[in-house]
């Protein structure tokens, strides 16, 4: 009986395979080059790999089948692109804002928030959140960036002498507190290192599970996934992650209830006007992104679950992507002494002009440091891969794709294309001088995505990056311990090494 059932299932799957591959869709997709497709499983067997081997396989395929190739799962094709002309077609089109089904795997964590939603819901959420990144609000946030970076510097100096740091946990603890202070209006400092570590560990483990599941489409169905051990583990991790966000939301809502909601306006006000409440003992209660969501909830524009979705999204995206950019920029500067020296001289000059301090205006003058960051994001984009589901038929590299075909955009390989970036593996911040950028394809560099769904927080991120790196450069020399040529990358939601990334920080005064 069981054998008969299995035979029937096998016959049905074979029929589906032949109909799919030899019908109109299959003929269009199979006209695109790609690796050999096996009956039933497509290309899936080639991707059942460890995180670092999966990373290397994707890099190899992106080079072997430049500029476009197709892969097949059991049920559907996936198109992979890395040419700026094709990327412009996908990212620059207002009818191509739908995220692909890959992002459905994130829904248990992020719900249908700004990262995963589409259509009217995405537009409504973007409209609610955009004022949180207004220039006046960013000016207030710079104060927090400076305070946190100064704490980072102090922590290093308190250890005494030259200090070797595993960069990812060191930097991530800093950026997590920054996003909580700015976007959520709460501090993690009083909650202890264990609280932060538990959250960051849960984030990292969730990333590993999501990648593991991504190459196993038979587990895309949530009910089936819940039956396997990884599904059980994800449920436990979500309790940790959602527990943290609900706690933060509850505390902020309580504050506004105790102040009768009088601090839920003013996102465009002069940043010199601080929100304080002496009776509650609250100092400098700056407006935060979470306040916009709470205000929208009071106006029935979003429910409590919607607030949680956006807080979870920004808690992760707002700290992890920035942390990885800081880590790789530090490593690049450590390996390039002359570039590091020039960046430090620029920071020191700006700080001297401003009485030994960094300011919003001073940060805007750090043009060379900004070029260093941009070049770091070219080589090591925090998000090396995104995926879309165009709602219309599109033409990519002379091939026609039916509407609703999954398209993967490989940002890292785009950024290393020698046609647009001569000597692509050379770290050269002057690539971003105005005269060198002239005539470059506008979609040859998209570290914050591009088009209608570009990153809402890119100005926020650049200011945080410049502040953190600027104050570290002002106080320390960076010396390499681990070298980028030796880094093994692991496939994850953000760019990530499969091992520690260590750098030595040498206090500048100790070398004088």
Protein backbone atom coordinates (compact mmCIF):
# COMPACT_ATOMS: atom_id res chain seq x y z
CA UNK A 1 0.00 0.00 0.00
CA UNK A 2 2.73 2.45 0.98
CA UNK A 3 4.74 1.53 -2.13
CA UNK A 4 1.68 2.19 -4.31
CA UNK A 5 1.18 5.63 -2.75
CA UNK A 6 4.84 6.51 -3.26
CA UNK A 7 4.65 5.40 -6.89
CA UNK A 8 1.60 7.59 -7.47
CA UNK A 9 3.33 10.58 -5.85
CA UNK A 10 6.43 9.93 -7.98
CA UNK A 11 4.39 9.77 -11.20
CA UNK A 12 2.54 12.99 -10.31
CA UNK A 13 5.82 14.79 -9.60
CA UNK A 14 7.34 13.59 -12.87
CA UNK A 15 4.29 14.77 -14.81
CA UNK A 16 4.49 18.13 -13.06
CA UNK A 17 8.19 18.37 -13.88
CA UNK A 18 7.68 17.74 -17.61
CA UNK A 19 4.67 20.06 -17.87
CA UNK A 20 6.56 22.79 -16.01
CA UNK A 21 9.76 22.50 -18.03
CA UNK A 22 8.28 21.91 -21.48
CA UNK A 23 5.36 24.32 -21.25
CA UNK A 24 5.56 28.01 -22.19
CA UNK A 25 7.12 29.04 -18.84
CA UNK A 26 9.74 26.29 -18.99
CA UNK A 27 10.73 27.10 -22.57
CA UNK A 28 11.24 30.78 -21.70
CA UNK A 29 13.20 30.05 -18.54
CA UNK A 30 15.33 27.29 -20.05
CA UNK A 31 16.46 29.59 -22.84
CA UNK A 32 18.49 31.32 -20.11
CA UNK A 33 21.85 29.61 -19.37
CA UNK A 34 22.39 27.76 -16.11
CA UNK A 35 23.64 24.52 -14.57
CA UNK A 36 22.17 21.17 -15.55
CA UNK A 37 18.71 20.51 -14.15
CA UNK A 38 17.90 17.12 -12.64
CA UNK A 39 14.40 15.61 -12.83
CA UNK A 40 12.20 16.39 -9.83
CA UNK A 41 14.81 18.18 -7.68
CA UNK A 42 15.99 20.74 -10.25
CA UNK A 43 19.25 22.26 -8.98
CA UNK A 44 18.53 21.77 -5.28
CA UNK A 45 21.09 19.04 -4.64
CA UNK A 46 23.91 21.43 -5.56
CA UNK A 47 22.88 23.78 -2.74
CA UNK A 48 22.62 21.42 0.23
CA UNK A 49 25.89 22.80 1.60
CA UNK A 50 27.41 24.42 4.68
CA UNK A 51 27.11 28.21 4.91
CA UNK A 52 30.63 28.93 3.67
CA UNK A 53 30.46 26.38 0.83
CA UNK A 54 27.10 27.80 -0.23
CA UNK A 55 28.68 31.28 -0.37
CA UNK A 56 31.50 30.03 -2.61
CA UNK A 57 29.09 28.14 -4.88
CA UNK A 58 26.96 31.24 -5.47
CA UNK A 59 30.07 33.34 -6.23
CA UNK A 60 31.27 30.70 -8.72
CA UNK A 61 27.92 30.51 -10.52
CA UNK A 62 27.62 34.30 -10.70
CA UNK A 63 30.97 34.46 -12.47
CA UNK A 64 30.50 31.36 -14.62
CA UNK A 65 27.14 32.47 -16.02
CA UNK A 66 27.67 36.23 -16.15
CA UNK A 67 25.47 38.27 -16.47
CA UNK A 68 22.37 36.09 -15.91
CA UNK A 69 21.45 32.49 -15.15
CA UNK A 70 18.53 30.39 -14.03
CA UNK A 71 18.11 27.82 -11.30
CA UNK A 72 15.19 25.47 -10.70
CA UNK A 73 13.66 24.26 -7.48
CA UNK A 74 11.05 21.51 -7.59
CA UNK A 75 8.19 23.92 -8.22
CA UNK A 76 9.52 27.18 -9.66
CA UNK A 77 12.50 28.89 -11.33
CA UNK A 78 14.79 31.56 -9.87
CA UNK A 79 16.64 34.05 -12.08
CA UNK A 80 19.96 35.46 -10.88
CA UNK A 81 21.31 38.80 -12.12
CA UNK A 82 24.34 41.02 -11.47
CA UNK A 83 24.47 43.43 -14.44
CA UNK A 84 23.47 47.06 -13.71
CA UNK A 85 21.21 47.26 -16.78
CA UNK A 86 19.19 44.31 -15.50
CA UNK A 87 19.27 45.55 -11.93
CA UNK A 88 17.88 48.91 -13.05
CA UNK A 89 14.97 47.12 -14.74
CA UNK A 90 14.14 45.33 -11.49
CA UNK A 91 14.93 47.89 -8.77
CA UNK A 92 14.02 51.03 -10.70
CA UNK A 93 10.50 50.00 -11.66
CA UNK A 94 7.56 50.95 -9.46
CA UNK A 95 5.83 47.72 -10.58
CA UNK A 96 8.70 45.64 -9.27
CA UNK A 97 8.51 46.43 -5.57
CA UNK A 98 7.05 43.05 -4.54
CA UNK A 99 9.53 41.00 -2.50
CA UNK A 100 9.90 37.39 -3.59
CA UNK A 101 8.67 34.36 -1.67
CA UNK A 102 12.13 34.11 -0.09
CA UNK A 103 10.99 36.87 2.26
CA UNK A 104 8.00 34.78 3.35
CA UNK A 105 10.48 32.88 5.52
CA UNK A 106 11.00 36.11 7.50
CA UNK A 107 7.32 36.64 8.26
CA UNK A 108 7.29 34.65 11.54
CA UNK A 109 9.95 37.11 12.79
CA UNK A 110 9.13 40.43 11.08
CA UNK A 111 5.51 39.91 10.13
CA UNK A 112 4.48 41.99 7.12
CA UNK A 113 6.34 45.13 8.08
CA UNK A 114 8.32 47.55 5.94
CA UNK A 115 10.85 44.89 4.86
CA UNK A 116 8.42 42.19 3.79
CA UNK A 117 5.15 43.95 2.88
CA UNK A 118 4.10 45.24 -0.54
CA UNK A 119 1.49 47.41 -2.23
CA UNK A 120 -0.69 49.71 -0.17
CA UNK A 121 0.46 48.33 3.16
CA UNK A 122 4.11 49.01 2.33
CA UNK A 123 3.26 52.51 1.10
CA UNK A 124 1.27 53.25 4.27
CA UNK A 125 4.07 52.02 6.56
CA UNK A 126 6.71 53.96 4.62
CA UNK A 127 4.60 57.13 4.93
CA UNK A 128 4.26 56.65 8.71
CA UNK A 129 7.99 56.07 9.23
CA UNK A 130 9.58 58.58 6.84
CA UNK A 131 9.45 61.54 9.31
CA UNK A 132 11.66 59.56 11.71
CA UNK A 133 14.54 60.18 9.28
CA UNK A 134 13.90 63.90 8.75
CA UNK A 135 17.02 66.07 8.92
CA UNK A 136 16.01 67.67 12.24
CA UNK A 137 15.48 64.27 13.85
CA UNK A 138 18.82 63.01 12.53
CA UNK A 139 20.47 66.02 14.19
CA UNK A 140 19.12 64.81 17.52
CA UNK A 141 20.28 61.28 16.80
CA UNK A 142 23.85 62.47 16.15
CA UNK A 143 24.11 63.32 19.83
CA UNK A 144 23.40 59.67 20.64
CA UNK A 145 25.84 58.46 18.00
CA UNK A 146 28.55 60.57 19.64
CA UNK A 147 27.68 59.46 23.19
CA UNK A 148 27.75 55.79 22.20
CA UNK A 149 30.99 56.11 20.23
CA UNK A 150 32.61 57.85 23.20
CA UNK A 151 31.53 54.94 25.41
CA UNK A 152 33.10 52.59 22.89
CA UNK A 153 36.37 54.53 23.02
CA UNK A 154 36.29 54.63 26.82
CA UNK A 155 35.73 50.88 27.04
CA UNK A 156 38.78 50.22 24.87
CA UNK A 157 40.96 52.65 26.82
CA UNK A 158 39.86 51.20 30.15
CA UNK A 159 41.35 47.85 29.12
CA UNK A 160 44.74 49.56 28.99
CA UNK A 161 47.29 49.62 26.16
CA UNK A 162 46.82 47.85 22.84
CA UNK A 163 43.65 45.74 22.75
CA UNK A 164 42.72 42.96 20.31
CA UNK A 165 38.98 42.75 19.71
CA UNK A 166 36.73 40.25 18.02
CA UNK A 167 34.98 42.95 16.03
CA UNK A 168 31.49 41.55 15.44
CA UNK A 169 30.31 41.12 19.07
CA UNK A 170 32.20 44.26 20.13
CA UNK A 171 30.67 46.49 17.45
CA UNK A 172 27.22 44.83 17.47
CA UNK A 173 26.69 45.57 21.16
CA UNK A 174 27.35 49.23 20.36
CA UNK A 175 25.07 49.45 17.30
CA UNK A 176 22.26 47.59 19.09
CA UNK A 177 22.25 50.19 21.84
CA UNK A 178 22.35 52.97 19.24
CA UNK A 179 19.24 51.69 17.44
CA UNK A 180 17.41 51.25 20.74
CA UNK A 181 18.33 54.74 21.97
CA UNK A 182 17.43 56.44 18.68
CA UNK A 183 14.66 54.50 16.97
CA UNK A 184 13.07 53.02 20.11
CA UNK A 185 13.73 55.76 22.66
CA UNK A 186 15.07 53.33 25.25
CA UNK A 187 18.50 52.41 26.58
CA UNK A 188 19.89 48.92 27.00
CA UNK A 189 22.75 50.06 29.25
CA UNK A 190 20.93 49.29 32.49
CA UNK A 191 19.78 45.85 31.36
CA UNK A 192 23.22 44.27 31.48
CA UNK A 193 25.49 42.61 28.94
CA UNK A 194 23.67 39.26 29.27
CA UNK A 195 20.40 40.82 28.01
CA UNK A 196 22.08 42.14 24.87
CA UNK A 197 24.06 38.96 24.31
CA UNK A 198 20.92 36.80 24.53
CA UNK A 199 19.22 38.96 21.89
CA UNK A 200 22.25 39.02 19.54
CA UNK A 201 22.75 35.26 19.87
CA UNK A 202 19.10 34.70 18.98
CA UNK A 203 19.50 36.95 15.92
CA UNK A 204 22.55 35.02 14.75
CA UNK A 205 20.90 31.62 15.25
CA UNK A 206 17.76 32.78 13.46
CA UNK A 207 19.90 33.79 10.49
CA UNK A 208 21.46 30.32 10.37
CA UNK A 209 18.05 28.64 10.45
CA UNK A 210 16.65 30.89 7.72
CA UNK A 211 19.55 30.12 5.36
CA UNK A 212 19.25 26.40 6.13
CA UNK A 213 15.54 26.57 5.28
CA UNK A 214 16.02 28.76 2.18
CA UNK A 215 17.65 25.93 0.20
CA UNK A 216 14.94 23.45 1.28
CA UNK A 217 11.72 24.65 -0.38
CA UNK A 218 9.86 21.56 0.82
CA UNK A 219 10.03 23.28 4.23
CA UNK A 220 8.66 26.64 3.05
CA UNK A 221 5.22 25.65 4.28
CA UNK A 222 5.07 26.84 7.88
CA UNK A 223 2.97 23.91 9.12
CA UNK A 224 5.48 21.39 7.77
CA UNK A 225 8.43 23.40 9.10
CA UNK A 226 6.88 23.45 12.56
CA UNK A 227 7.12 19.65 12.64
CA UNK A 228 10.94 19.49 12.33
CA UNK A 229 13.53 20.22 15.08
CA UNK A 230 14.69 23.46 13.39
CA UNK A 231 11.09 24.64 13.45
CA UNK A 232 10.87 23.92 17.18
CA UNK A 233 14.10 25.84 17.76
CA UNK A 234 12.89 28.80 15.71
CA UNK A 235 9.75 28.99 17.86
CA UNK A 236 11.93 29.29 20.99
CA UNK A 237 14.12 31.95 19.39
CA UNK A 238 11.07 33.96 18.34
CA UNK A 239 9.91 34.03 21.96
CA UNK A 240 13.24 35.67 22.88
CA UNK A 241 13.20 38.15 19.98
CA UNK A 242 9.56 39.12 20.28
CA UNK A 243 9.85 39.23 24.06
CA UNK A 244 12.52 41.92 23.80
CA UNK A 245 10.50 44.01 21.35
CA UNK A 246 7.24 43.75 23.29
CA UNK A 247 9.12 44.85 26.41
CA UNK A 248 10.53 47.91 24.62
CA UNK A 249 7.13 48.80 23.14
CA UNK A 250 5.42 48.42 26.51
CA UNK A 251 7.89 50.71 28.27
CA UNK A 252 7.59 53.42 25.63
CA UNK A 253 3.78 53.25 25.57
CA UNK A 254 3.73 53.50 29.37
CA UNK A 255 5.87 56.65 29.18
CA UNK A 256 3.42 58.29 26.77
CA UNK A 257 0.47 57.25 28.90
CA UNK A 258 2.08 58.84 31.96
CA UNK A 259 2.74 62.06 30.03
CA UNK A 260 -0.75 62.11 28.42
CA UNK A 261 0.75 61.76 24.96
CA UNK A 262 2.03 65.33 24.88
CA UNK A 263 5.40 64.23 23.47
CA UNK A 264 3.99 62.42 20.45
CA UNK A 265 4.40 65.35 18.05
CA UNK A 266 7.20 67.57 16.83
CA UNK A 267 9.25 65.45 14.44
CA UNK A 268 10.00 68.54 12.38
CA UNK A 269 10.73 70.81 15.35
CA UNK A 270 14.00 72.56 16.07
CA UNK A 271 16.32 69.90 17.54
CA UNK A 272 17.49 72.34 20.21
CA UNK A 273 14.09 71.94 21.89
CA UNK A 274 14.46 68.93 24.15
CA UNK A 275 11.60 66.84 25.44
CA UNK A 276 12.01 66.50 29.17
CA UNK A 277 9.80 65.66 32.09
CA UNK A 278 11.40 66.45 35.40
CA UNK A 279 8.61 64.89 37.46
CA UNK A 280 9.20 61.52 35.80
CA UNK A 281 12.96 61.84 36.07
CA UNK A 282 13.32 61.44 32.31
CA UNK A 283 16.23 63.24 30.63
CA UNK A 284 16.20 64.27 27.00
CA UNK A 285 13.31 62.12 25.87
CA UNK A 286 14.01 62.61 22.15
CA UNK A 287 11.37 61.67 19.63
CA UNK A 288 11.95 58.19 18.25
CA UNK A 289 10.64 56.10 15.38
CA UNK A 290 8.61 54.12 17.90
CA UNK A 291 6.81 57.33 18.89
CA UNK A 292 5.56 57.71 15.31
CA UNK A 293 4.16 54.20 15.46
CA UNK A 294 2.50 54.82 18.83
CA UNK A 295 0.98 58.05 17.50
CA UNK A 296 -0.26 56.19 14.41
CA UNK A 297 -1.78 53.53 16.67
CA UNK A 298 -3.71 56.21 18.54
CA UNK A 299 -5.04 57.42 15.17
CA UNK A 300 -6.05 53.85 14.18
CA UNK A 301 -3.48 53.73 11.36
CA UNK A 302 -1.69 50.69 12.76
CA UNK A 303 -2.46 48.02 15.34
CA UNK A 304 -0.25 46.69 18.14
CA UNK A 305 0.98 43.79 16.00
CA UNK A 306 1.93 46.31 13.31
CA UNK A 307 4.04 48.23 15.82
CA UNK A 308 5.76 44.99 16.78
CA UNK A 309 6.48 44.18 13.13
CA UNK A 310 8.28 47.46 12.55
CA UNK A 311 10.17 47.38 15.85
CA UNK A 312 11.44 43.87 15.10
CA UNK A 313 12.44 44.93 11.58
CA UNK A 314 14.36 48.01 12.69
CA UNK A 315 15.90 46.34 15.73
CA UNK A 316 17.54 43.80 13.42
CA UNK A 317 18.20 45.80 10.24
CA UNK A 318 19.17 48.92 12.16
CA UNK A 319 21.94 47.32 14.19
CA UNK A 320 23.24 44.29 12.28
CA UNK A 321 23.83 45.87 8.87
CA UNK A 322 25.57 48.90 10.39
CA UNK A 323 27.71 46.71 12.62
CA UNK A 324 28.97 44.66 9.69
CA UNK A 325 29.85 47.79 7.73
CA UNK A 326 31.83 49.19 10.67
CA UNK A 327 33.68 45.87 11.09
CA UNK A 328 34.77 45.58 7.47
CA UNK A 329 35.73 49.25 7.24
CA UNK A 330 37.93 48.90 10.33
CA UNK A 331 39.62 45.85 8.81
CA UNK A 332 40.20 47.60 5.50
CA UNK A 333 41.67 50.67 7.19
CA UNK A 334 43.86 48.43 9.36
CA UNK A 335 45.32 46.82 6.24
CA UNK A 336 45.84 50.13 4.41
CA UNK A 337 47.98 52.31 6.64
CA UNK A 338 48.23 55.32 4.31
CA UNK A 339 44.48 55.47 3.75
CA UNK A 340 43.91 55.13 7.50
CA UNK A 341 46.40 57.94 8.13
CA UNK A 342 44.65 60.25 5.67
CA UNK A 343 41.21 59.51 7.12
CA UNK A 344 42.50 60.19 10.64
CA UNK A 345 44.08 63.50 9.59
CA UNK A 346 40.74 64.62 8.14
CA UNK A 347 38.87 63.68 11.35
CA UNK A 348 41.46 65.41 13.55
CA UNK A 349 41.31 68.60 11.48
CA UNK A 350 37.51 68.76 11.64
CA UNK A 351 37.50 68.10 15.38
CA UNK A 352 40.14 70.77 15.97
CA UNK A 353 37.97 73.30 14.12
CA UNK A 354 35.06 72.37 16.42
CA UNK A 355 36.84 72.58 19.77
CA UNK A 356 37.83 68.91 19.88
CA UNK A 357 34.33 67.61 19.24
CA UNK A 358 32.36 66.05 16.42
CA UNK A 359 29.19 67.86 15.35
CA UNK A 360 26.52 67.39 12.70
CA UNK A 361 28.16 70.01 10.49
CA UNK A 362 31.58 68.47 11.11
CA UNK A 363 30.36 65.01 10.09
CA UNK A 364 29.10 66.43 6.81
CA UNK A 365 32.63 67.69 6.08
CA UNK A 366 34.27 64.25 6.45
CA UNK A 367 34.32 63.65 2.70
CA UNK A 368 37.35 61.33 2.63
CA UNK A 369 36.05 59.16 5.47
CA UNK A 370 32.73 58.96 3.64
CA UNK A 371 34.55 57.76 0.52
CA UNK A 372 36.30 55.10 2.63
CA UNK A 373 32.92 53.90 3.91
CA UNK A 374 31.43 53.85 0.43
CA UNK A 375 34.37 51.85 -0.90
CA UNK A 376 34.04 49.44 2.03
CA UNK A 377 30.34 49.01 1.21
CA UNK A 378 31.30 48.36 -2.40
CA UNK A 379 33.61 45.51 -1.46
CA UNK A 380 31.55 44.23 1.46
CA UNK A 381 27.92 45.37 1.10
CA UNK A 382 26.06 44.70 4.34
CA UNK A 383 23.22 43.10 2.37
CA UNK A 384 24.90 41.20 -0.49
CA UNK A 385 21.68 39.76 -1.94
CA UNK A 386 18.05 40.85 -2.36
CA UNK A 387 15.15 39.26 -4.20
CA UNK A 388 12.09 40.55 -6.06
CA UNK A 389 8.95 39.28 -7.78
CA UNK A 390 8.19 41.62 -10.72
CA UNK A 391 4.46 41.99 -11.29
CA UNK A 392 4.91 42.37 -15.05
CA UNK A 393 6.76 40.65 -17.86
CA UNK A 394 10.35 41.95 -18.01
CA UNK A 395 13.28 41.65 -20.40
CA UNK A 396 16.65 40.96 -18.80
CA UNK A 397 19.82 40.54 -20.90
CA UNK A 398 17.68 39.86 -24.01
CA UNK A 399 15.66 37.14 -22.26
CA UNK A 400 11.94 37.51 -21.57
CA UNK A 401 10.71 36.63 -18.09
CA UNK A 402 7.03 36.04 -17.37
CA UNK A 403 5.40 38.13 -14.67
CA UNK A 404 5.86 36.91 -11.08
CA UNK A 405 9.18 35.17 -11.73
CA UNK A 406 11.58 35.20 -8.76
CA UNK A 407 14.61 37.41 -9.51
CA UNK A 408 17.66 37.41 -7.22
CA UNK A 409 19.87 40.52 -7.32
CA UNK A 410 23.49 39.78 -6.35
CA UNK A 411 24.80 43.11 -5.07
CA UNK A 412 28.23 41.88 -3.98
CA UNK A 413 29.07 40.51 -7.43
CA UNK A 414 27.71 43.65 -9.08
CA UNK A 415 30.08 45.73 -6.93
CA UNK A 416 33.05 43.61 -8.01
CA UNK A 417 32.39 43.65 -11.75
CA UNK A 418 35.75 44.63 -13.36
CA UNK A 419 33.99 46.33 -16.27
CA UNK A 420 32.55 48.96 -13.90
CA UNK A 421 35.20 48.69 -11.18
CA UNK A 422 38.74 48.25 -12.59
CA UNK A 423 40.95 46.19 -10.24
CA UNK A 424 37.80 45.46 -8.23
CA UNK A 425 39.49 43.91 -5.19
CA UNK A 426 41.72 46.96 -4.62
CA UNK A 427 40.52 49.22 -1.79
CA UNK A 428 40.49 52.69 -3.36
CA UNK A 429 38.26 55.35 -1.77
CA UNK A 430 39.01 57.74 -4.62
CA UNK A 431 36.70 55.70 -6.83
CA UNK A 432 34.05 57.92 -5.25
CA UNK A 433 35.58 61.26 -6.15
CA UNK A 434 33.04 63.22 -8.25
CA UNK A 435 35.29 63.17 -11.32
CA UNK A 436 35.70 59.39 -11.05
CA UNK A 437 31.98 58.78 -10.58
CA UNK A 438 31.09 60.75 -13.69
CA UNK A 439 29.55 58.49 -16.32
CA UNK A 440 29.35 55.45 -14.04
CA UNK A 441 26.16 53.45 -14.40
CA UNK A 442 23.71 54.65 -11.68
CA UNK A 443 22.89 51.04 -10.77
CA UNK A 444 26.51 49.82 -10.61
CA UNK A 445 26.55 50.69 -6.90
CA UNK A 446 23.50 49.90 -4.76
CA UNK A 447 24.59 49.12 -1.16
CA UNK A 448 21.30 50.57 0.12
CA UNK A 449 19.26 49.08 -2.74
CA UNK A 450 17.80 51.65 -5.16
CA UNK A 451 14.58 52.85 -6.70
CA UNK A 452 11.23 53.03 -4.86
CA UNK A 453 12.28 50.51 -2.19
CA UNK A 454 15.66 52.00 -1.36
CA UNK A 455 16.74 51.87 2.28
CA UNK A 456 14.76 54.37 4.36
CA UNK A 457 17.61 54.63 6.89
CA UNK A 458 20.63 55.21 4.64
CA UNK A 459 21.33 58.77 5.84
CA UNK A 460 20.94 57.57 9.43
CA UNK A 461 23.40 54.74 8.75
CA UNK A 462 26.01 56.96 7.09
CA UNK A 463 25.97 59.42 9.99
CA UNK A 464 26.34 56.60 12.50
CA UNK A 465 29.18 55.04 10.49
CA UNK A 466 31.06 58.33 10.20
CA UNK A 467 30.62 59.14 13.89
CA UNK A 468 31.74 55.74 15.15
CA UNK A 469 34.68 55.35 12.78
CA UNK A 470 35.68 59.00 13.19
CA UNK A 471 36.00 58.81 16.98
CA UNK A 472 37.79 55.46 16.81
CA UNK A 473 40.29 56.87 14.30
CA UNK A 474 40.82 59.95 16.48
CA UNK A 475 41.77 57.80 19.45
CA UNK A 476 43.35 54.62 18.04
CA UNK A 477 45.55 53.17 15.37
CA UNK A 478 44.03 50.09 13.73
CA UNK A 479 46.38 47.15 13.18
CA UNK A 480 45.40 43.92 11.41
CA UNK A 481 45.27 40.63 13.28
CA UNK A 482 43.04 38.71 10.85
CA UNK A 483 43.35 39.57 7.16
CA UNK A 484 40.52 39.94 4.68
CA UNK A 485 42.18 37.63 2.14
CA UNK A 486 41.76 34.81 4.68
CA UNK A 487 38.12 35.47 5.55
CA UNK A 488 35.68 32.63 4.92
CA UNK A 489 32.20 33.98 4.41
CA UNK A 490 29.02 32.26 5.54
CA UNK A 491 25.73 32.80 3.74
CA UNK A 492 23.41 34.79 6.03
CA UNK A 493 20.84 37.59 6.01
CA UNK A 494 23.74 40.05 6.10
CA UNK A 495 27.37 39.67 5.07
CA UNK A 496 29.07 37.58 7.73
CA UNK A 497 32.33 35.72 8.32
CA UNK A 498 32.35 32.08 9.39
CA UNK A 499 34.93 32.88 12.09
CA UNK A 500 36.05 35.80 14.31
CA UNK A 501 37.33 39.03 12.72
CA UNK A 502 40.03 40.48 14.95
CA UNK A 503 41.74 43.87 14.89
CA UNK A 504 44.20 45.49 17.30
CA UNK A 505 43.37 48.96 18.65
CA UNK A 506 46.45 50.89 19.75
CA UNK A 507 45.80 54.07 21.78
CA UNK A 508 47.39 56.99 19.95
CA UNK A 509 48.81 58.64 23.06
CA UNK A 510 50.76 55.46 23.95
CA UNK A 511 52.80 55.77 20.75
CA UNK A 512 53.73 59.43 21.19
